[in-house]
């Protein structure tokens, strides 16, 4: 299939859209760090079960030192450091501004792919990336609410910039470490390494009581499990997509999850959809279509 990588990227976006809804509700019941750690444990087990059926191994024992080096670094940078700075930025400047910055990840990935992977972008592809990101931005940007203004924080802006760079770097490192290797096992390596760092972090910060408390919340666990399944599927398809397509293009398509949340929220959660969200979705789809020309 000619555009299999791009198709996998769309599945990634859908998986992330669904998982964000699960994790949003789970985080309201507990803290974000606990949700992150528990979902990594679930993700490793789910992926291990899948690879056991598909490849006959539960853990990535057939991987090379090269795979562990780059994918482990990717997990540390993208799944640990990126999330730490992202969640801290949420508390300083709010999720709206954070999402605004995070939509710039594909552009950074395109630049990194050019600098470190030798990938080239045509003028049409660059235009498509800009159009797609513009559609996403139109959706996530909201009018300023005078009753709920966020105090400008230089530290918060710095943190979200760092988080965005870590996210982009993690994607490039994933492509480097997963070439020619199984996507599910590649994702599992990333999660194992990220979990290992989180264990050290929780021990150092003495935060284990939060995690143990979160495991006693049955509804919260079900939400985390649902989010883990959809997020793990999204990450796995992303790795597969990166093996088949251009890192910048794949990252751009996979970043359309804020657009895909619109129909999910409308049909499942019966939320109202604004005109600008529909326009933003159309602009984003136009950008994706340009990739196929």
C-alpha atoms as a PDB file:
ATOM      1  CA  UNK A   1       0.000   0.000   0.000  1.00  0.00           C
ATOM      2  CA  UNK A   2       1.548   3.244  -1.206  1.00  0.00           C
ATOM      3  CA  UNK A   3       0.436   5.498   1.641  1.00  0.00           C
ATOM      4  CA  UNK A   4       0.439   2.928   4.433  1.00  0.00           C
ATOM      5  CA  UNK A   5       2.685   5.087   6.635  1.00  0.00           C
ATOM      6  CA  UNK A   6       0.343   8.062   6.354  1.00  0.00           C
ATOM      7  CA  UNK A   7      -2.660   5.828   7.100  1.00  0.00           C
ATOM      8  CA  UNK A   8      -0.926   4.480  10.216  1.00  0.00           C
ATOM      9  CA  UNK A   9      -0.274   8.086  11.273  1.00  0.00           C
ATOM     10  CA  UNK A  10      -4.015   8.799  11.098  1.00  0.00           C
ATOM     11  CA  UNK A  11      -4.686   5.760  13.310  1.00  0.00           C
ATOM     12  CA  UNK A  12      -2.103   7.187  15.702  1.00  0.00           C
ATOM     13  CA  UNK A  13      -3.991  10.486  15.835  1.00  0.00           C
ATOM     14  CA  UNK A  14      -7.264   8.657  16.536  1.00  0.00           C
ATOM     15  CA  UNK A  15      -5.664   6.573  19.304  1.00  0.00           C
ATOM     16  CA  UNK A  16      -4.259   9.691  20.957  1.00  0.00           C
ATOM     17  CA  UNK A  17      -7.589  11.502  20.656  1.00  0.00           C
ATOM     18  CA  UNK A  18      -9.375   8.671  22.479  1.00  0.00           C
ATOM     19  CA  UNK A  19      -6.637   8.228  25.079  1.00  0.00           C
ATOM     20  CA  UNK A  20      -6.627  11.936  25.909  1.00  0.00           C
ATOM     21  CA  UNK A  21     -10.295  11.708  26.882  1.00  0.00           C
ATOM     22  CA  UNK A  22      -9.622   8.667  29.107  1.00  0.00           C
ATOM     23  CA  UNK A  23      -6.557  10.220  30.752  1.00  0.00           C
ATOM     24  CA  UNK A  24      -8.327  13.550  31.229  1.00  0.00           C
ATOM     25  CA  UNK A  25     -10.996  11.897  33.377  1.00  0.00           C
ATOM     26  CA  UNK A  26      -8.426   9.698  35.142  1.00  0.00           C
ATOM     27  CA  UNK A  27      -6.241  12.688  36.026  1.00  0.00           C
ATOM     28  CA  UNK A  28      -9.235  14.421  37.594  1.00  0.00           C
ATOM     29  CA  UNK A  29      -9.508  11.500  40.034  1.00  0.00           C
ATOM     30  CA  UNK A  30      -5.785  11.288  40.844  1.00  0.00           C
ATOM     31  CA  UNK A  31      -2.493  13.055  40.031  1.00  0.00           C
ATOM     32  CA  UNK A  32      -0.857  13.096  36.598  1.00  0.00           C
ATOM     33  CA  UNK A  33       2.408  11.460  37.708  1.00  0.00           C
ATOM     34  CA  UNK A  34       0.576   8.405  39.079  1.00  0.00           C
ATOM     35  CA  UNK A  35      -1.474   8.145  35.889  1.00  0.00           C
ATOM     36  CA  UNK A  36       1.724   8.292  33.861  1.00  0.00           C
ATOM     37  CA  UNK A  37       3.460   5.541  35.841  1.00  0.00           C
ATOM     38  CA  UNK A  38       0.446   3.210  35.932  1.00  0.00           C
ATOM     39  CA  UNK A  39      -0.213   3.573  32.203  1.00  0.00           C
ATOM     40  CA  UNK A  40       3.439   2.708  31.467  1.00  0.00           C
ATOM     41  CA  UNK A  41       3.075  -0.521  33.481  1.00  0.00           C
ATOM     42  CA  UNK A  42      -0.156  -1.373  31.659  1.00  0.00           C
ATOM     43  CA  UNK A  43       1.414  -0.488  28.323  1.00  0.00           C
ATOM     44  CA  UNK A  44       4.401  -2.775  28.851  1.00  0.00           C
ATOM     45  CA  UNK A  45       2.125  -5.682  29.823  1.00  0.00           C
ATOM     46  CA  UNK A  46      -0.284  -5.093  26.918  1.00  0.00           C
ATOM     47  CA  UNK A  47       2.528  -4.881  24.387  1.00  0.00           C
ATOM     48  CA  UNK A  48       4.230  -7.923  25.883  1.00  0.00           C
ATOM     49  CA  UNK A  49       1.013  -9.928  25.565  1.00  0.00           C
ATOM     50  CA  UNK A  50       0.652  -8.848  21.950  1.00  0.00           C
ATOM     51  CA  UNK A  51       4.244  -9.661  21.000  1.00  0.00           C
ATOM     52  CA  UNK A  52       3.972 -13.008  22.813  1.00  0.00           C
ATOM     53  CA  UNK A  53       1.078 -13.951  20.540  1.00  0.00           C
ATOM     54  CA  UNK A  54       2.510 -12.330  17.432  1.00  0.00           C
ATOM     55  CA  UNK A  55       6.225 -13.062  17.792  1.00  0.00           C
ATOM     56  CA  UNK A  56       6.513 -15.619  20.592  1.00  0.00           C
ATOM     57  CA  UNK A  57       8.340 -13.330  23.042  1.00  0.00           C
ATOM     58  CA  UNK A  58       6.970 -11.242  25.921  1.00  0.00           C
ATOM     59  CA  UNK A  59       9.937  -8.895  26.217  1.00  0.00           C
ATOM     60  CA  UNK A  60      12.106  -7.511  23.371  1.00  0.00           C
ATOM     61  CA  UNK A  61      14.875 -10.081  23.909  1.00  0.00           C
ATOM     62  CA  UNK A  62      15.729 -10.181  20.194  1.00  0.00           C
ATOM     63  CA  UNK A  63      16.561  -6.481  20.089  1.00  0.00           C
ATOM     64  CA  UNK A  64      20.077  -5.179  19.602  1.00  0.00           C
ATOM     65  CA  UNK A  65      22.200  -2.835  21.675  1.00  0.00           C
ATOM     66  CA  UNK A  66      21.587  -0.283  18.941  1.00  0.00           C
ATOM     67  CA  UNK A  67      17.801  -0.563  19.433  1.00  0.00           C
ATOM     68  CA  UNK A  68      18.074  -0.180  23.205  1.00  0.00           C
ATOM     69  CA  UNK A  69      20.459   2.750  22.938  1.00  0.00           C
ATOM     70  CA  UNK A  70      18.320   4.929  20.668  1.00  0.00           C
ATOM     71  CA  UNK A  71      14.864   3.761  21.757  1.00  0.00           C
ATOM     72  CA  UNK A  72      15.866   3.941  25.419  1.00  0.00           C
ATOM     73  CA  UNK A  73      17.103   7.476  24.878  1.00  0.00           C
ATOM     74  CA  UNK A  74      13.854   8.238  23.071  1.00  0.00           C
ATOM     75  CA  UNK A  75      11.819   6.945  26.021  1.00  0.00           C
ATOM     76  CA  UNK A  76      13.867   8.999  28.459  1.00  0.00           C
ATOM     77  CA  UNK A  77      13.609  12.174  26.394  1.00  0.00           C
ATOM     78  CA  UNK A  78      10.041  11.856  25.087  1.00  0.00           C
ATOM     79  CA  UNK A  79       8.119   9.829  27.686  1.00  0.00           C
ATOM     80  CA  UNK A  80       9.896  11.039  30.831  1.00  0.00           C
ATOM     81  CA  UNK A  81      11.502  14.466  30.417  1.00  0.00           C
ATOM     82  CA  UNK A  82       8.935  15.717  27.921  1.00  0.00           C
ATOM     83  CA  UNK A  83       6.019  14.843  30.202  1.00  0.00           C
ATOM     84  CA  UNK A  84       7.675  16.313  33.286  1.00  0.00           C
ATOM     85  CA  UNK A  85       8.170  19.705  31.654  1.00  0.00           C
ATOM     86  CA  UNK A  86       4.766  19.557  29.956  1.00  0.00           C
ATOM     87  CA  UNK A  87       2.823  18.922  33.184  1.00  0.00           C
ATOM     88  CA  UNK A  88       4.770  21.613  35.023  1.00  0.00           C
ATOM     89  CA  UNK A  89       3.993  24.046  32.198  1.00  0.00           C
ATOM     90  CA  UNK A  90       0.285  23.204  32.558  1.00  0.00           C
ATOM     91  CA  UNK A  91       0.342  24.558  36.120  1.00  0.00           C
ATOM     92  CA  UNK A  92       2.196  27.729  35.111  1.00  0.00           C
ATOM     93  CA  UNK A  93       0.526  28.891  31.885  1.00  0.00           C
ATOM     94  CA  UNK A  94      -2.443  26.562  31.340  1.00  0.00           C
ATOM     95  CA  UNK A  95      -3.246  23.822  28.871  1.00  0.00           C
ATOM     96  CA  UNK A  96      -4.417  26.139  26.066  1.00  0.00           C
ATOM     97  CA  UNK A  97      -1.072  27.833  25.643  1.00  0.00           C
ATOM     98  CA  UNK A  98       0.742  24.508  26.072  1.00  0.00           C
ATOM     99  CA  UNK A  99      -1.299  22.903  23.279  1.00  0.00           C
ATOM    100  CA  UNK A 100      -0.554  25.919  21.102  1.00  0.00           C
ATOM    101  CA  UNK A 101       3.173  25.326  21.475  1.00  0.00           C
ATOM    102  CA  UNK A 102       2.955  21.529  21.175  1.00  0.00           C
ATOM    103  CA  UNK A 103       1.348  21.782  17.730  1.00  0.00           C
ATOM    104  CA  UNK A 104       4.695  23.142  16.535  1.00  0.00           C
ATOM    105  CA  UNK A 105       6.274  19.736  17.161  1.00  0.00           C
ATOM    106  CA  UNK A 106       5.932  18.575  13.508  1.00  0.00           C
ATOM    107  CA  UNK A 107       7.823  21.614  12.257  1.00  0.00           C
ATOM    108  CA  UNK A 108      10.653  20.901  14.699  1.00  0.00           C
ATOM    109  CA  UNK A 109      10.605  17.219  13.695  1.00  0.00           C
ATOM    110  CA  UNK A 110      10.898  18.238  10.046  1.00  0.00           C
ATOM    111  CA  UNK A 111      13.918  20.400  10.844  1.00  0.00           C
ATOM    112  CA  UNK A 112      15.528  17.677  12.989  1.00  0.00           C
ATOM    113  CA  UNK A 113      14.804  15.072  10.307  1.00  0.00           C
ATOM    114  CA  UNK A 114      16.604  17.265   7.788  1.00  0.00           C
ATOM    115  CA  UNK A 115      19.583  17.898  10.078  1.00  0.00           C
ATOM    116  CA  UNK A 116      20.067  14.412  11.565  1.00  0.00           C
ATOM    117  CA  UNK A 117      18.346  11.913   9.255  1.00  0.00           C
ATOM    118  CA  UNK A 118      19.151  13.476   5.897  1.00  0.00           C
ATOM    119  CA  UNK A 119      15.453  13.724   4.994  1.00  0.00           C
ATOM    120  CA  UNK A 120      14.395  16.390   2.526  1.00  0.00           C
ATOM    121  CA  UNK A 121      11.141  18.297   2.250  1.00  0.00           C
ATOM    122  CA  UNK A 122       9.640  19.634  -0.963  1.00  0.00           C
ATOM    123  CA  UNK A 123       8.026  23.062  -1.042  1.00  0.00           C
ATOM    124  CA  UNK A 124       4.610  21.382  -1.316  1.00  0.00           C
ATOM    125  CA  UNK A 125       5.301  19.232   1.748  1.00  0.00           C
ATOM    126  CA  UNK A 126       6.450  22.280   3.735  1.00  0.00           C
ATOM    127  CA  UNK A 127       3.271  24.098   2.684  1.00  0.00           C
ATOM    128  CA  UNK A 128       1.189  21.060   3.699  1.00  0.00           C
ATOM    129  CA  UNK A 129       2.836  20.977   7.144  1.00  0.00           C
ATOM    130  CA  UNK A 130       2.129  24.675   7.682  1.00  0.00           C
ATOM    131  CA  UNK A 131      -1.500  24.351   6.553  1.00  0.00           C
ATOM    132  CA  UNK A 132      -2.098  21.289   8.749  1.00  0.00           C
ATOM    133  CA  UNK A 133      -0.593  22.972  11.810  1.00  0.00           C
ATOM    134  CA  UNK A 134      -2.635  26.113  11.076  1.00  0.00           C
ATOM    135  CA  UNK A 135      -5.843  24.064  11.143  1.00  0.00           C
ATOM    136  CA  UNK A 136      -4.889  22.526  14.491  1.00  0.00           C
ATOM    137  CA  UNK A 137      -3.973  25.934  15.913  1.00  0.00           C
ATOM    138  CA  UNK A 138      -7.297  27.409  14.856  1.00  0.00           C
ATOM    139  CA  UNK A 139      -9.088  24.735  16.869  1.00  0.00           C
ATOM    140  CA  UNK A 140      -7.020  24.872  20.066  1.00  0.00           C
ATOM    141  CA  UNK A 141      -6.784  28.667  20.315  1.00  0.00           C
ATOM    142  CA  UNK A 142      -9.682  30.069  22.289  1.00  0.00           C
ATOM    143  CA  UNK A 143     -10.769  33.679  22.862  1.00  0.00           C
ATOM    144  CA  UNK A 144      -9.314  35.185  25.987  1.00  0.00           C
ATOM    145  CA  UNK A 145     -11.623  34.839  28.964  1.00  0.00           C
ATOM    146  CA  UNK A 146     -11.324  37.987  31.050  1.00  0.00           C
ATOM    147  CA  UNK A 147     -12.654  36.200  34.112  1.00  0.00           C
ATOM    148  CA  UNK A 148      -9.971  33.484  33.904  1.00  0.00           C
ATOM    149  CA  UNK A 149      -6.812  35.135  32.675  1.00  0.00           C
ATOM    150  CA  UNK A 150      -3.559  33.312  33.251  1.00  0.00           C
ATOM    151  CA  UNK A 151      -0.645  35.269  34.577  1.00  0.00           C
ATOM    152  CA  UNK A 152       2.167  35.385  32.023  1.00  0.00           C
ATOM    153  CA  UNK A 153       5.012  33.208  33.190  1.00  0.00           C
ATOM    154  CA  UNK A 154       8.415  33.313  31.551  1.00  0.00           C
ATOM    155  CA  UNK A 155       9.267  30.077  33.320  1.00  0.00           C
ATOM    156  CA  UNK A 156       6.105  28.446  31.966  1.00  0.00           C
ATOM    157  CA  UNK A 157       6.887  29.523  28.393  1.00  0.00           C
ATOM    158  CA  UNK A 158      10.419  28.178  28.798  1.00  0.00           C
ATOM    159  CA  UNK A 159       9.135  24.832  30.104  1.00  0.00           C
ATOM    160  CA  UNK A 160       6.672  24.293  27.261  1.00  0.00           C
ATOM    161  CA  UNK A 161       9.356  25.190  24.701  1.00  0.00           C
ATOM    162  CA  UNK A 162      11.628  22.576  26.279  1.00  0.00           C
ATOM    163  CA  UNK A 163       8.781  20.024  26.318  1.00  0.00           C
ATOM    164  CA  UNK A 164       8.075  20.652  22.630  1.00  0.00           C
ATOM    165  CA  UNK A 165      11.726  20.165  21.732  1.00  0.00           C
ATOM    166  CA  UNK A 166      11.889  16.965  23.808  1.00  0.00           C
ATOM    167  CA  UNK A 167       8.784  15.640  22.045  1.00  0.00           C
ATOM    168  CA  UNK A 168      10.263  16.326  18.623  1.00  0.00           C
ATOM    169  CA  UNK A 169      13.626  14.875  19.636  1.00  0.00           C
ATOM    170  CA  UNK A 170      11.911  11.739  20.951  1.00  0.00           C
ATOM    171  CA  UNK A 171      10.196  11.187  17.592  1.00  0.00           C
ATOM    172  CA  UNK A 172      13.465  11.504  15.680  1.00  0.00           C
ATOM    173  CA  UNK A 173      15.267   9.168  18.125  1.00  0.00           C
ATOM    174  CA  UNK A 174      12.416   6.665  17.765  1.00  0.00           C
ATOM    175  CA  UNK A 175      12.845   6.589  14.014  1.00  0.00           C
ATOM    176  CA  UNK A 176      16.599   6.099  14.404  1.00  0.00           C
ATOM    177  CA  UNK A 177      16.239   3.219  16.870  1.00  0.00           C
ATOM    178  CA  UNK A 178      13.281   1.387  15.323  1.00  0.00           C
ATOM    179  CA  UNK A 179      14.433   1.044  11.718  1.00  0.00           C
ATOM    180  CA  UNK A 180      14.032  -2.595  10.681  1.00  0.00           C
ATOM    181  CA  UNK A 181      12.740  -3.661  14.103  1.00  0.00           C
ATOM    182  CA  UNK A 182       9.257  -4.645  15.292  1.00  0.00           C
ATOM    183  CA  UNK A 183       7.112  -1.536  16.082  1.00  0.00           C
ATOM    184  CA  UNK A 184       5.443  -3.068  19.154  1.00  0.00           C
ATOM    185  CA  UNK A 185       8.728  -4.170  20.683  1.00  0.00           C
ATOM    186  CA  UNK A 186      10.237  -0.774  19.852  1.00  0.00           C
ATOM    187  CA  UNK A 187       7.431   0.917  21.769  1.00  0.00           C
ATOM    188  CA  UNK A 188       7.889  -1.505  24.651  1.00  0.00           C
ATOM    189  CA  UNK A 189      11.585  -0.633  24.912  1.00  0.00           C
ATOM    190  CA  UNK A 190      10.706   3.057  25.105  1.00  0.00           C
ATOM    191  CA  UNK A 191       8.184   2.388  27.864  1.00  0.00           C
ATOM    192  CA  UNK A 192      10.499   0.121  29.851  1.00  0.00           C
ATOM    193  CA  UNK A 193      13.245   2.747  29.877  1.00  0.00           C
ATOM    194  CA  UNK A 194      10.822   5.562  30.729  1.00  0.00           C
ATOM    195  CA  UNK A 195       9.331   3.489  33.566  1.00  0.00           C
ATOM    196  CA  UNK A 196      12.798   2.779  34.937  1.00  0.00           C
ATOM    197  CA  UNK A 197      13.532   6.491  35.124  1.00  0.00           C
ATOM    198  CA  UNK A 198      10.107   7.183  36.666  1.00  0.00           C
ATOM    199  CA  UNK A 199      10.828   4.584  39.381  1.00  0.00           C
ATOM    200  CA  UNK A 200      14.029   6.405  40.276  1.00  0.00           C
ATOM    201  CA  UNK A 201      12.189   9.723  40.192  1.00  0.00           C
ATOM    202  CA  UNK A 202       9.350   8.520  42.453  1.00  0.00           C
ATOM    203  CA  UNK A 203      11.839   7.020  44.907  1.00  0.00           C
ATOM    204  CA  UNK A 204      13.898  10.201  45.021  1.00  0.00           C
ATOM    205  CA  UNK A 205      10.825  12.426  45.430  1.00  0.00           C
ATOM    206  CA  UNK A 206       9.148   9.952  47.841  1.00  0.00           C
ATOM    207  CA  UNK A 207       5.909   9.928  45.847  1.00  0.00           C
ATOM    208  CA  UNK A 208       5.091   6.221  45.975  1.00  0.00           C
ATOM    209  CA  UNK A 209       2.129   6.806  48.333  1.00  0.00           C
ATOM    210  CA  UNK A 210       0.356   8.692  45.531  1.00  0.00           C
ATOM    211  CA  UNK A 211       0.752   5.767  43.152  1.00  0.00           C
ATOM    212  CA  UNK A 212      -0.438   3.193  45.713  1.00  0.00           C
ATOM    213  CA  UNK A 213      -3.469   5.368  46.512  1.00  0.00           C
ATOM    214  CA  UNK A 214      -4.300   5.672  42.800  1.00  0.00           C
ATOM    215  CA  UNK A 215      -4.265   1.878  42.341  1.00  0.00           C
ATOM    216  CA  UNK A 216      -7.115   1.561  44.874  1.00  0.00           C
ATOM    217  CA  UNK A 217      -9.455   3.658  42.724  1.00  0.00           C
ATOM    218  CA  UNK A 218     -11.211   1.050  40.541  1.00  0.00           C
ATOM    219  CA  UNK A 219     -12.898   3.535  38.224  1.00  0.00           C
ATOM    220  CA  UNK A 220      -9.659   5.436  37.858  1.00  0.00           C
ATOM    221  CA  UNK A 221      -7.825   2.222  36.975  1.00  0.00           C
ATOM    222  CA  UNK A 222     -10.428   1.402  34.313  1.00  0.00           C
ATOM    223  CA  UNK A 223      -9.993   4.868  32.816  1.00  0.00           C
ATOM    224  CA  UNK A 224      -6.214   4.492  32.814  1.00  0.00           C
ATOM    225  CA  UNK A 225      -6.538   1.054  31.233  1.00  0.00           C
ATOM    226  CA  UNK A 226      -8.760   2.420  28.469  1.00  0.00           C
ATOM    227  CA  UNK A 227      -6.373   5.291  27.877  1.00  0.00           C
ATOM    228  CA  UNK A 228      -3.385   2.937  27.893  1.00  0.00           C
ATOM    229  CA  UNK A 229      -4.869   0.619  25.273  1.00  0.00           C
ATOM    230  CA  UNK A 230      -5.695   3.454  22.872  1.00  0.00           C
ATOM    231  CA  UNK A 231      -2.468   5.365  23.561  1.00  0.00           C
ATOM    232  CA  UNK A 232      -0.314   2.240  23.196  1.00  0.00           C
ATOM    233  CA  UNK A 233      -2.011   1.453  19.905  1.00  0.00           C
ATOM    234  CA  UNK A 234      -1.343   5.019  18.803  1.00  0.00           C
ATOM    235  CA  UNK A 235       2.335   4.913  19.748  1.00  0.00           C
ATOM    236  CA  UNK A 236       2.805   1.506  18.099  1.00  0.00           C
ATOM    237  CA  UNK A 237       1.237   2.691  14.853  1.00  0.00           C
ATOM    238  CA  UNK A 238       3.401   5.800  15.044  1.00  0.00           C
ATOM    239  CA  UNK A 239       6.555   3.678  15.170  1.00  0.00           C
ATOM    240  CA  UNK A 240       5.281   1.633  12.224  1.00  0.00           C
ATOM    241  CA  UNK A 241       4.461   4.826  10.341  1.00  0.00           C
ATOM    242  CA  UNK A 242       7.928   6.267  10.996  1.00  0.00           C
ATOM    243  CA  UNK A 243       9.434   3.132   9.476  1.00  0.00           C
ATOM    244  CA  UNK A 244       7.402   3.662   6.319  1.00  0.00           C
ATOM    245  CA  UNK A 245       7.286   7.407   5.826  1.00  0.00           C
ATOM    246  CA  UNK A 246       8.923  10.798   6.258  1.00  0.00           C
ATOM    247  CA  UNK A 247       9.358  11.743   9.934  1.00  0.00           C
ATOM    248  CA  UNK A 248       8.099  15.311   9.470  1.00  0.00           C
ATOM    249  CA  UNK A 249       5.040  14.276   7.455  1.00  0.00           C
ATOM    250  CA  UNK A 250       4.153  11.398   9.787  1.00  0.00           C
ATOM    251  CA  UNK A 251       4.464  13.662  12.821  1.00  0.00           C
ATOM    252  CA  UNK A 252       2.261  16.297  11.186  1.00  0.00           C
ATOM    253  CA  UNK A 253      -0.552  13.854  10.380  1.00  0.00           C
ATOM    254  CA  UNK A 254      -0.368  12.244  13.823  1.00  0.00           C
ATOM    255  CA  UNK A 255      -0.685  15.699  15.422  1.00  0.00           C
ATOM    256  CA  UNK A 256      -4.260  16.102  14.169  1.00  0.00           C
ATOM    257  CA  UNK A 257      -5.717  14.392  17.255  1.00  0.00           C
ATOM    258  CA  UNK A 258      -7.196  17.722  18.496  1.00  0.00           C
ATOM    259  CA  UNK A 259      -9.223  17.730  15.267  1.00  0.00           C
ATOM    260  CA  UNK A 260     -10.406  14.132  15.651  1.00  0.00           C
ATOM    261  CA  UNK A 261     -11.612  14.863  19.176  1.00  0.00           C
ATOM    262  CA  UNK A 262     -14.364  17.045  17.667  1.00  0.00           C
ATOM    263  CA  UNK A 263     -16.628  14.270  16.276  1.00  0.00           C
ATOM    264  CA  UNK A 264     -15.867  12.035  19.275  1.00  0.00           C
ATOM    265  CA  UNK A 265     -16.930  14.780  21.674  1.00  0.00           C
ATOM    266  CA  UNK A 266     -20.016  15.592  19.598  1.00  0.00           C
ATOM    267  CA  UNK A 267     -21.398  12.101  19.069  1.00  0.00           C
ATOM    268  CA  UNK A 268     -20.299  10.430  22.320  1.00  0.00           C
ATOM    269  CA  UNK A 269     -20.225  13.238  24.875  1.00  0.00           C
ATOM    270  CA  UNK A 270     -22.919  15.366  23.156  1.00  0.00           C
ATOM    271  CA  UNK A 271     -20.765  18.490  23.314  1.00  0.00           C
ATOM    272  CA  UNK A 272     -21.445  21.509  21.091  1.00  0.00           C
ATOM    273  CA  UNK A 273     -19.064  22.037  18.162  1.00  0.00           C
ATOM    274  CA  UNK A 274     -18.137  25.587  17.215  1.00  0.00           C
ATOM    275  CA  UNK A 275     -17.944  26.802  13.620  1.00  0.00           C
ATOM    276  CA  UNK A 276     -14.242  27.600  13.916  1.00  0.00           C
ATOM    277  CA  UNK A 277     -13.574  24.014  14.971  1.00  0.00           C
ATOM    278  CA  UNK A 278     -15.227  22.732  11.806  1.00  0.00           C
ATOM    279  CA  UNK A 279     -13.261  25.258   9.714  1.00  0.00           C
ATOM    280  CA  UNK A 280     -10.060  24.229  11.475  1.00  0.00           C
ATOM    281  CA  UNK A 281     -10.780  20.577  10.730  1.00  0.00           C
ATOM    282  CA  UNK A 282     -11.316  21.375   7.041  1.00  0.00           C
ATOM    283  CA  UNK A 283      -8.036  23.306   6.896  1.00  0.00           C
ATOM    284  CA  UNK A 284      -6.184  20.451   8.587  1.00  0.00           C
ATOM    285  CA  UNK A 285      -7.684  17.880   6.200  1.00  0.00           C
ATOM    286  CA  UNK A 286      -6.648  20.094   3.276  1.00  0.00           C
ATOM    287  CA  UNK A 287      -3.082  20.012   4.560  1.00  0.00           C
ATOM    288  CA  UNK A 288      -3.151  16.214   4.839  1.00  0.00           C
ATOM    289  CA  UNK A 289      -4.543  15.910   1.299  1.00  0.00           C
ATOM    290  CA  UNK A 290      -1.574  17.894   0.000  1.00  0.00           C
ATOM    291  CA  UNK A 291       0.746  15.125   1.256  1.00  0.00           C
ATOM    292  CA  UNK A 292      -0.843  12.741  -1.252  1.00  0.00           C
ATOM    293  CA  UNK A 293      -0.348  14.986  -4.301  1.00  0.00           C
END
